[in-house]
Protein backbone atom coordinates (compact mmCIF):
# COMPACT_ATOMS: atom_id res chain seq x y z
CA MET A 1 -60.54 -57.44 17.38
CA ALA A 2 -59.50 -59.31 14.24
CA ASN A 3 -61.38 -59.15 10.95
CA ALA A 4 -63.78 -62.11 11.05
CA ARG A 5 -65.02 -62.15 7.45
CA SER A 6 -64.81 -65.52 5.72
CA PRO A 7 -62.41 -65.74 2.78
CA LYS A 8 -65.29 -67.35 0.80
CA MET A 9 -67.38 -64.18 0.99
CA ALA A 10 -67.03 -61.39 -1.55
CA PRO A 11 -64.42 -58.98 -0.18
CA LYS A 12 -65.66 -55.66 1.14
CA VAL A 13 -63.80 -52.34 0.98
CA ALA A 14 -64.55 -49.04 2.72
CA ILE A 15 -63.70 -45.84 0.86
CA VAL A 16 -62.87 -43.10 3.35
CA TRP A 17 -63.15 -39.34 2.92
CA ARG A 18 -63.58 -36.41 5.29
CA GLY A 19 -66.95 -34.92 6.19
CA ASP A 20 -69.35 -34.24 9.05
CA ALA A 21 -72.07 -36.31 10.65
CA GLN A 22 -74.67 -35.21 8.10
CA ALA A 23 -72.36 -36.12 5.24
CA ARG A 24 -71.82 -39.52 6.83
CA ARG A 25 -75.58 -40.15 7.05
CA ASP A 26 -76.13 -39.05 3.45
CA ALA A 27 -73.08 -40.66 1.85
CA THR A 28 -73.70 -42.84 -1.21
CA ALA A 29 -71.42 -44.30 -3.83
CA GLU A 30 -73.41 -42.68 -6.63
CA ALA A 31 -73.08 -39.15 -5.22
CA SER A 32 -69.42 -39.36 -4.20
CA ARG A 33 -66.49 -38.06 -6.19
CA GLN A 34 -65.09 -41.61 -6.12
CA LYS A 35 -68.11 -42.94 -8.04
CA ALA A 36 -65.89 -44.38 -10.77
CA VAL A 37 -63.78 -46.18 -8.16
CA PHE A 38 -66.88 -47.76 -6.58
CA GLU A 39 -68.00 -48.95 -10.02
CA ALA A 40 -64.57 -50.30 -10.95
CA LEU A 41 -64.31 -52.25 -7.69
CA ALA A 42 -67.76 -53.76 -8.32
CA ARG A 43 -66.56 -54.99 -11.72
CA GLN A 44 -63.72 -56.77 -9.90
CA GLY A 45 -66.15 -58.49 -7.54
CA VAL A 46 -65.34 -56.19 -4.61
CA ALA A 47 -68.19 -54.63 -2.65
CA ALA A 48 -67.38 -51.05 -1.65
CA GLU A 49 -69.08 -48.81 0.88
CA PRO A 50 -68.64 -45.14 1.82
CA CYS A 51 -67.05 -44.20 5.13
CA VAL A 52 -67.10 -40.51 6.01
CA PHE A 53 -64.58 -39.54 8.68
CA SER A 54 -64.25 -36.71 11.15
CA GLU A 55 -62.65 -36.58 14.57
CA ASP A 56 -66.12 -36.53 16.16
CA LEU A 57 -66.99 -39.75 14.33
CA ALA A 58 -63.82 -41.63 15.23
CA LYS A 59 -65.56 -44.40 17.21
CA GLU A 60 -68.09 -45.10 14.44
CA VAL A 61 -65.42 -45.07 11.77
CA ARG A 62 -63.19 -47.48 13.69
CA GLU A 63 -66.08 -49.90 14.22
CA GLN A 64 -67.00 -49.77 10.53
CA LEU A 65 -63.44 -50.33 9.33
CA LEU A 66 -62.97 -53.36 11.56
CA LEU A 67 -65.81 -55.08 9.68
CA VAL A 68 -64.37 -54.75 6.16
CA ASP A 69 -61.50 -56.46 4.39
CA GLY A 70 -59.84 -53.38 2.94
CA VAL A 71 -59.73 -49.60 3.19
CA LEU A 72 -58.94 -46.99 0.54
CA VAL A 73 -58.37 -43.50 1.96
CA TRP A 74 -58.85 -40.06 0.41
CA VAL A 75 -58.14 -37.62 3.26
CA ASP A 76 -55.73 -34.67 2.97
CA PRO A 77 -52.85 -34.28 5.46
CA ILE A 78 -54.25 -30.84 6.37
CA SER A 79 -57.86 -29.78 5.84
CA ALA A 80 -59.33 -26.56 7.25
CA GLY A 81 -56.45 -26.50 9.74
CA GLN A 82 -57.08 -30.07 10.93
CA ARG A 83 -54.46 -32.79 10.61
CA ARG A 84 -55.36 -36.45 10.23
CA ASP A 85 -53.59 -37.84 13.31
CA THR A 86 -56.79 -39.39 14.71
CA LEU A 87 -57.55 -41.14 11.43
CA ASP A 88 -54.00 -42.46 11.20
CA GLU A 89 -54.34 -44.02 14.66
CA ILE A 90 -57.52 -45.76 13.52
CA LEU A 91 -55.91 -46.99 10.32
CA ARG A 92 -52.94 -48.45 12.19
CA ALA A 93 -55.30 -50.25 14.55
CA VAL A 94 -57.47 -51.79 11.85
CA ALA A 95 -54.40 -52.79 9.80
CA ALA A 96 -53.04 -54.59 12.85
CA ALA A 97 -56.41 -56.36 13.11
CA GLY A 98 -56.04 -57.82 9.62
CA VAL A 99 -57.57 -55.18 7.33
CA VAL A 100 -55.74 -54.20 4.12
CA VAL A 101 -55.11 -50.43 4.37
CA SER A 102 -53.93 -48.20 1.57
CA THR A 103 -52.26 -45.98 2.06
CA HIS A 104 -50.96 -47.22 5.42
CA PRO A 105 -49.91 -44.24 7.61
CA ASP A 106 -46.42 -45.67 8.06
CA VAL A 107 -45.95 -45.71 4.28
CA ILE A 108 -47.17 -42.10 4.12
CA LEU A 109 -44.47 -41.12 6.60
CA LYS A 110 -41.85 -42.59 4.28
CA MET A 111 -42.93 -41.45 0.83
CA GLY A 112 -45.81 -39.01 1.27
CA VAL A 113 -43.79 -36.29 2.98
CA LYS A 114 -41.41 -33.75 1.47
CA GLU A 115 -38.45 -35.40 3.18
CA VAL A 116 -38.63 -38.00 0.40
CA LEU A 117 -37.17 -35.34 -1.90
CA TYR A 118 -34.01 -35.29 0.19
CA ALA A 119 -33.86 -39.04 0.85
CA THR A 120 -34.14 -39.87 -2.87
CA ARG A 121 -32.18 -36.93 -4.29
CA ASP A 122 -29.59 -39.24 -5.88
CA LEU A 123 -32.00 -41.59 -7.67
CA GLY A 124 -32.04 -39.62 -10.94
CA TRP A 125 -35.09 -37.49 -10.30
CA GLY A 126 -33.42 -35.23 -7.75
CA ALA A 127 -32.13 -31.66 -7.79
CA ASP A 128 -29.95 -29.59 -5.45
CA THR A 129 -31.84 -30.53 -2.27
CA HIS A 130 -31.15 -30.00 1.43
CA LEU A 131 -32.91 -30.89 4.67
CA TYR A 132 -33.19 -28.77 7.80
CA ALA A 133 -34.21 -30.90 10.76
CA THR A 134 -33.98 -28.08 13.32
CA ARG A 135 -34.59 -24.33 13.47
CA ALA A 136 -30.96 -23.80 14.42
CA ALA A 137 -29.68 -25.59 11.31
CA PHE A 138 -32.08 -23.68 9.07
CA GLU A 139 -31.17 -20.29 10.51
CA ALA A 140 -27.46 -21.08 10.32
CA LYS A 141 -27.31 -22.41 6.75
CA PHE A 142 -30.16 -21.08 4.63
CA ALA A 143 -28.93 -17.52 4.16
CA GLY A 144 -25.58 -18.65 2.78
CA ARG A 145 -27.19 -21.16 0.46
CA LEU A 146 -29.62 -18.54 -0.84
CA GLU A 147 -26.78 -16.10 -1.49
CA ALA A 148 -24.57 -18.67 -3.22
CA CYS A 149 -27.13 -20.61 -5.24
CA GLY A 150 -29.89 -18.22 -6.24
CA PRO A 151 -33.66 -18.64 -5.75
CA ARG A 152 -34.74 -21.51 -3.51
CA VAL A 153 -38.00 -23.30 -2.82
CA LEU A 154 -38.74 -24.21 0.81
CA LYS A 155 -41.31 -26.89 1.65
CA GLN A 156 -42.71 -27.93 5.00
CA ASN A 157 -42.44 -31.66 5.50
CA ARG A 158 -46.14 -32.51 5.45
CA GLY A 159 -48.83 -30.46 3.78
CA ASN A 160 -50.96 -30.05 0.68
CA GLY A 161 -52.41 -27.38 -1.57
CA GLY A 162 -49.23 -25.32 -1.61
CA ILE A 163 -49.42 -24.70 2.15
CA GLY A 164 -45.95 -24.00 3.49
CA VAL A 165 -44.27 -24.02 0.06
CA TRP A 166 -42.26 -20.82 -0.55
CA LYS A 167 -40.15 -19.40 -3.33
CA VAL A 168 -37.43 -17.23 -1.77
CA GLU A 169 -35.31 -14.74 -3.74
CA ALA A 170 -32.50 -12.65 -2.28
CA LEU A 171 -32.66 -8.86 -2.75
CA ASP A 172 -30.27 -6.13 -1.64
CA ALA A 173 -29.57 -5.13 1.96
CA GLY A 174 -30.64 -8.38 3.58
CA MET A 175 -34.14 -8.31 2.09
CA VAL A 176 -35.95 -11.19 0.38
CA ARG A 177 -38.97 -11.59 -1.85
CA VAL A 178 -41.13 -14.55 -0.82
CA ARG A 179 -44.22 -16.08 -2.39
CA GLU A 180 -46.26 -18.96 -1.01
CA ALA A 181 -47.64 -21.49 -3.49
CA ARG A 182 -51.16 -21.71 -2.11
CA GLY A 183 -54.19 -20.00 -3.57
CA GLU A 184 -53.84 -16.40 -4.66
CA ALA A 185 -51.01 -15.60 -2.26
CA GLU A 186 -49.28 -12.33 -3.08
CA PRO A 187 -45.50 -11.87 -2.92
CA ARG A 188 -44.00 -10.10 0.05
CA VAL A 189 -40.72 -8.26 0.56
CA LEU A 190 -39.29 -8.41 4.07
CA PRO A 191 -35.97 -8.82 5.89
CA LEU A 192 -34.56 -12.33 5.62
CA ARG A 193 -34.26 -12.53 9.41
CA ALA A 194 -38.01 -11.83 9.71
CA PHE A 195 -38.83 -14.58 7.22
CA LEU A 196 -36.57 -17.02 9.06
CA TYR A 197 -38.44 -16.21 12.25
CA GLU A 198 -41.81 -16.83 10.56
CA CYS A 199 -40.59 -20.27 9.48
CA ARG A 200 -39.99 -21.39 13.07
CA ALA A 201 -43.51 -22.78 13.23
CA TYR A 202 -42.67 -25.39 10.60
CA PHE A 203 -40.35 -27.11 13.09
CA ASP A 204 -43.00 -27.52 15.80
CA GLY A 205 -43.72 -31.11 16.77
CA GLY A 206 -40.63 -32.45 15.04
CA GLY A 207 -41.35 -30.73 11.73
CA LYS A 208 -38.71 -30.15 9.07
CA LEU A 209 -38.04 -27.95 6.06
CA ILE A 210 -36.80 -29.17 2.69
CA ASP A 211 -34.84 -26.76 0.48
CA GLN A 212 -34.68 -27.24 -3.31
CA ALA A 213 -33.24 -25.16 -6.12
CA PHE A 214 -35.93 -23.24 -8.00
CA GLN A 215 -36.51 -24.81 -11.43
CA PRO A 216 -36.43 -22.17 -14.21
CA ARG A 217 -38.61 -24.31 -16.50
CA LEU A 218 -41.55 -24.05 -14.09
CA PRO A 219 -43.55 -21.98 -16.64
CA GLU A 220 -43.58 -25.02 -18.95
CA GLY A 221 -45.81 -26.86 -16.51
CA MET A 222 -45.91 -29.81 -14.16
CA ILE A 223 -46.39 -33.47 -15.08
CA ARG A 224 -48.29 -35.63 -12.62
CA CYS A 225 -47.50 -39.32 -13.01
CA TYR A 226 -50.31 -41.46 -11.56
CA MET A 227 -49.29 -44.83 -10.17
CA SER A 228 -50.92 -47.99 -8.85
CA GLU A 229 -48.26 -49.79 -6.85
CA GLY A 230 -45.35 -49.82 -9.32
CA ARG A 231 -47.32 -49.31 -12.54
CA VAL A 232 -48.05 -46.03 -14.33
CA VAL A 233 -51.82 -45.67 -14.81
CA GLY A 234 -51.96 -42.20 -16.38
CA PHE A 235 -50.60 -38.70 -16.60
CA GLY A 236 -51.79 -35.17 -15.98
CA ARG A 237 -50.04 -32.09 -17.38
CA GLN A 238 -50.86 -28.64 -16.03
CA ILE A 239 -49.54 -25.12 -16.29
CA ILE A 240 -49.16 -24.07 -12.66
CA ARG A 241 -48.82 -20.56 -11.25
CA GLY A 242 -48.33 -21.16 -7.52
CA LEU A 243 -44.83 -19.65 -7.42
CA MET A 244 -45.12 -17.46 -10.50
CA PRO A 245 -45.72 -13.67 -10.70
CA ALA A 246 -49.30 -12.48 -11.22
CA GLU A 247 -48.60 -11.38 -14.79
CA ALA A 248 -48.02 -15.04 -15.71
CA GLY A 249 -51.79 -15.45 -15.68
CA PRO A 250 -54.07 -18.06 -14.10
CA PRO A 251 -53.21 -21.76 -13.93
CA GLY A 252 -54.35 -23.95 -16.77
CA PRO A 253 -56.54 -27.05 -16.56
CA ARG A 254 -54.89 -30.38 -15.86
CA ILE A 255 -54.95 -32.31 -19.13
CA MET A 256 -55.37 -35.99 -18.33
CA SER A 257 -54.09 -38.84 -20.46
CA GLY A 258 -53.63 -42.57 -20.20
CA PRO A 259 -50.39 -44.43 -19.47
CA ASP A 260 -49.61 -44.86 -23.19
CA HIS A 261 -49.59 -41.12 -24.00
CA PRO A 262 -46.56 -40.79 -26.35
CA PRO A 263 -44.91 -37.62 -24.95
CA PHE A 264 -44.37 -39.24 -21.55
CA GLN A 265 -43.09 -42.70 -22.43
CA ALA A 266 -39.51 -41.88 -21.41
CA LEU A 267 -40.80 -40.76 -18.01
CA ARG A 268 -42.96 -43.88 -17.74
CA ALA A 269 -39.97 -46.13 -18.47
CA LYS A 270 -37.93 -44.43 -15.76
CA MET A 271 -40.74 -44.62 -13.21
CA GLU A 272 -41.58 -48.27 -13.77
CA GLY A 273 -38.14 -49.63 -14.50
CA ASP A 274 -35.84 -47.56 -12.32
CA TRP A 275 -37.02 -44.82 -9.99
CA THR A 276 -40.00 -46.47 -8.29
CA PRO A 277 -38.32 -49.79 -7.41
CA ALA A 278 -35.19 -47.89 -6.34
CA MET A 279 -37.27 -45.67 -4.05
CA ALA A 280 -39.02 -48.69 -2.53
CA ARG A 281 -35.69 -50.35 -1.79
CA LEU A 282 -34.09 -47.20 -0.41
CA LEU A 283 -37.02 -46.36 1.87
CA GLU A 284 -37.65 -50.01 2.79
CA ILE A 285 -41.27 -49.88 1.60
CA ASP A 286 -42.76 -53.36 1.37
CA ALA A 287 -46.07 -52.11 -0.04
CA LEU A 288 -46.52 -49.27 -2.48
CA PRO A 289 -49.93 -47.57 -2.34
CA VAL A 290 -52.87 -48.71 -4.43
CA ILE A 291 -53.05 -45.15 -5.79
CA TRP A 292 -50.39 -42.46 -5.59
CA ASP A 293 -48.78 -39.88 -7.80
CA ALA A 294 -45.44 -38.20 -8.37
CA ASP A 295 -45.26 -34.57 -9.51
CA PHE A 296 -42.42 -33.59 -11.83
CA LEU A 297 -41.09 -30.32 -13.17
CA TYR A 298 -38.93 -30.13 -16.24
CA GLY A 299 -35.24 -30.03 -15.37
CA PRO A 300 -32.44 -28.82 -17.65
CA LYS A 301 -32.09 -30.48 -21.04
CA ASP A 302 -29.50 -33.26 -21.15
CA PRO A 303 -26.49 -33.17 -23.55
CA ASN A 304 -28.65 -34.77 -26.25
CA GLY A 305 -31.33 -32.12 -25.91
CA GLU A 306 -33.76 -34.47 -24.17
CA ASP A 307 -35.92 -33.46 -21.23
CA THR A 308 -34.96 -34.34 -17.69
CA TYR A 309 -37.41 -34.40 -14.80
CA VAL A 310 -37.18 -33.13 -11.22
CA LEU A 311 -39.42 -34.60 -8.54
CA CYS A 312 -41.20 -31.88 -6.57
CA GLU A 313 -43.75 -33.91 -4.57
CA ILE A 314 -45.27 -37.34 -3.99
CA ASN A 315 -48.96 -37.51 -3.08
CA VAL A 316 -50.38 -40.54 -1.31
CA SER A 317 -53.06 -39.22 1.05
CA SER A 318 -55.76 -37.92 -1.29
CA VAL A 319 -54.96 -38.45 -4.97
CA PHE A 320 -57.85 -36.88 -6.89
CA PRO A 321 -58.90 -36.24 -9.62
CA ILE A 322 -57.42 -39.18 -11.49
CA PRO A 323 -57.32 -40.12 -15.20
CA ASP A 324 -60.23 -42.09 -16.62
CA GLU A 325 -57.99 -45.16 -16.97
CA ALA A 326 -56.93 -45.15 -13.30
CA PRO A 327 -60.04 -46.46 -11.46
CA GLU A 328 -59.99 -49.78 -13.35
CA GLU A 329 -56.30 -50.27 -12.66
CA LEU A 330 -56.47 -49.42 -8.97
CA ALA A 331 -59.52 -51.70 -8.61
CA ARG A 332 -57.52 -54.57 -10.12
CA THR A 333 -54.66 -53.79 -7.74
CA MET A 334 -56.96 -53.77 -4.73
CA ALA A 335 -58.66 -57.01 -5.80
CA ARG A 336 -55.29 -58.76 -6.12
CA ARG A 337 -54.20 -57.46 -2.77
CA LEU A 338 -57.39 -58.61 -1.09
CA ALA A 339 -57.12 -62.05 -2.69
CA ARG A 340 -53.67 -62.45 -1.17
CA HIS A 341 -54.65 -61.26 2.28
CA VAL A 342 -58.25 -62.16 3.11
CA GLY A 343 -57.89 -64.88 5.73
CA SER A 344 -54.17 -64.31 6.21
CA LYS A 345 -52.49 -63.63 9.50
CA PRO A 346 -53.14 -60.11 10.89
CA GLU A 347 -49.49 -59.15 11.02
CA ARG A 348 -49.22 -59.73 7.25
CA ALA A 349 -52.44 -58.01 6.24
CA ALA A 350 -51.55 -54.34 6.39
CA ASP A 351 -50.21 -54.29 2.85
CA SER A 352 -48.83 -56.47 0.07
CA PRO A 353 -45.38 -56.91 -1.42
CA VAL A 354 -44.13 -54.20 -3.76
CA GLN A 355 -45.34 -54.55 -7.33
CA THR A 356 -43.04 -53.03 -9.91
CA GLY A 357 -44.30 -54.36 -13.18
């Protein structure tokens, strides 16, 4: 079933988030956390409607999405133990039918997984990073790397909220101290072989583990760089405590700022002029998401005493909250994308060419 809307009609976009049947019945733009996005799209002449998804509502959601011109998705990779495989199947189907989808699931599999840290480790934002594609490789190599290189951070390939992100420190007599980044997780001391065994689950279903050097400047905070396609639309700086000892105190609030915030102009220049287009070329991404973000930790100072930055994650599935400046920019991006694709051939409508300026 192809999208049958006339290109002369005002384009229509569905904004998707997770909920139950009651939430779907009650959903309104005014009461949603994406209220500012709805309003910004309206100012661009794009009509937006809520679309609440759950696995039980898959048929209704698919039918709704086939009747719009574009889809913007805010659904975590993992939520209450549920993955979004069913939603991704729907999104692929409606994209093939001529609907603009952001972020397309195939793009998520390239840049919205931790494997991107390994694939792009040489772009200038990388650190000492390794990939374990099998349990056997992990169990054979990790112990030696931990012993030789000091504390490591392990990350399951797809997740959110610190789930499956571990700081691992070697102790005496084959013991390790491990701390997961999620919630209020407490550190544990256990034999390394026991921890390796626990990690086997991360390889189920073709899963992988990414291994990065722990960044000593973690206490100085994380910088979230918000992007719309290839343009920086804002920043968020936060003191994080996910891998820190309890005495470090609670995390701080994320302080939002616009794209012109002076402390981050060197990072902005690298993202827009170098790292983002290089990533798109390397990963063969023809369409960067309408909204995404890159999380950076401070790396070691360079020879001139300037900050360097180490990529620790890219988020493309559910980027929220966002800076006040971001809704207007992503609405403009979506309006341009719709203008290019409404009425175009279905095989070209899943996403637009990369924008890097």
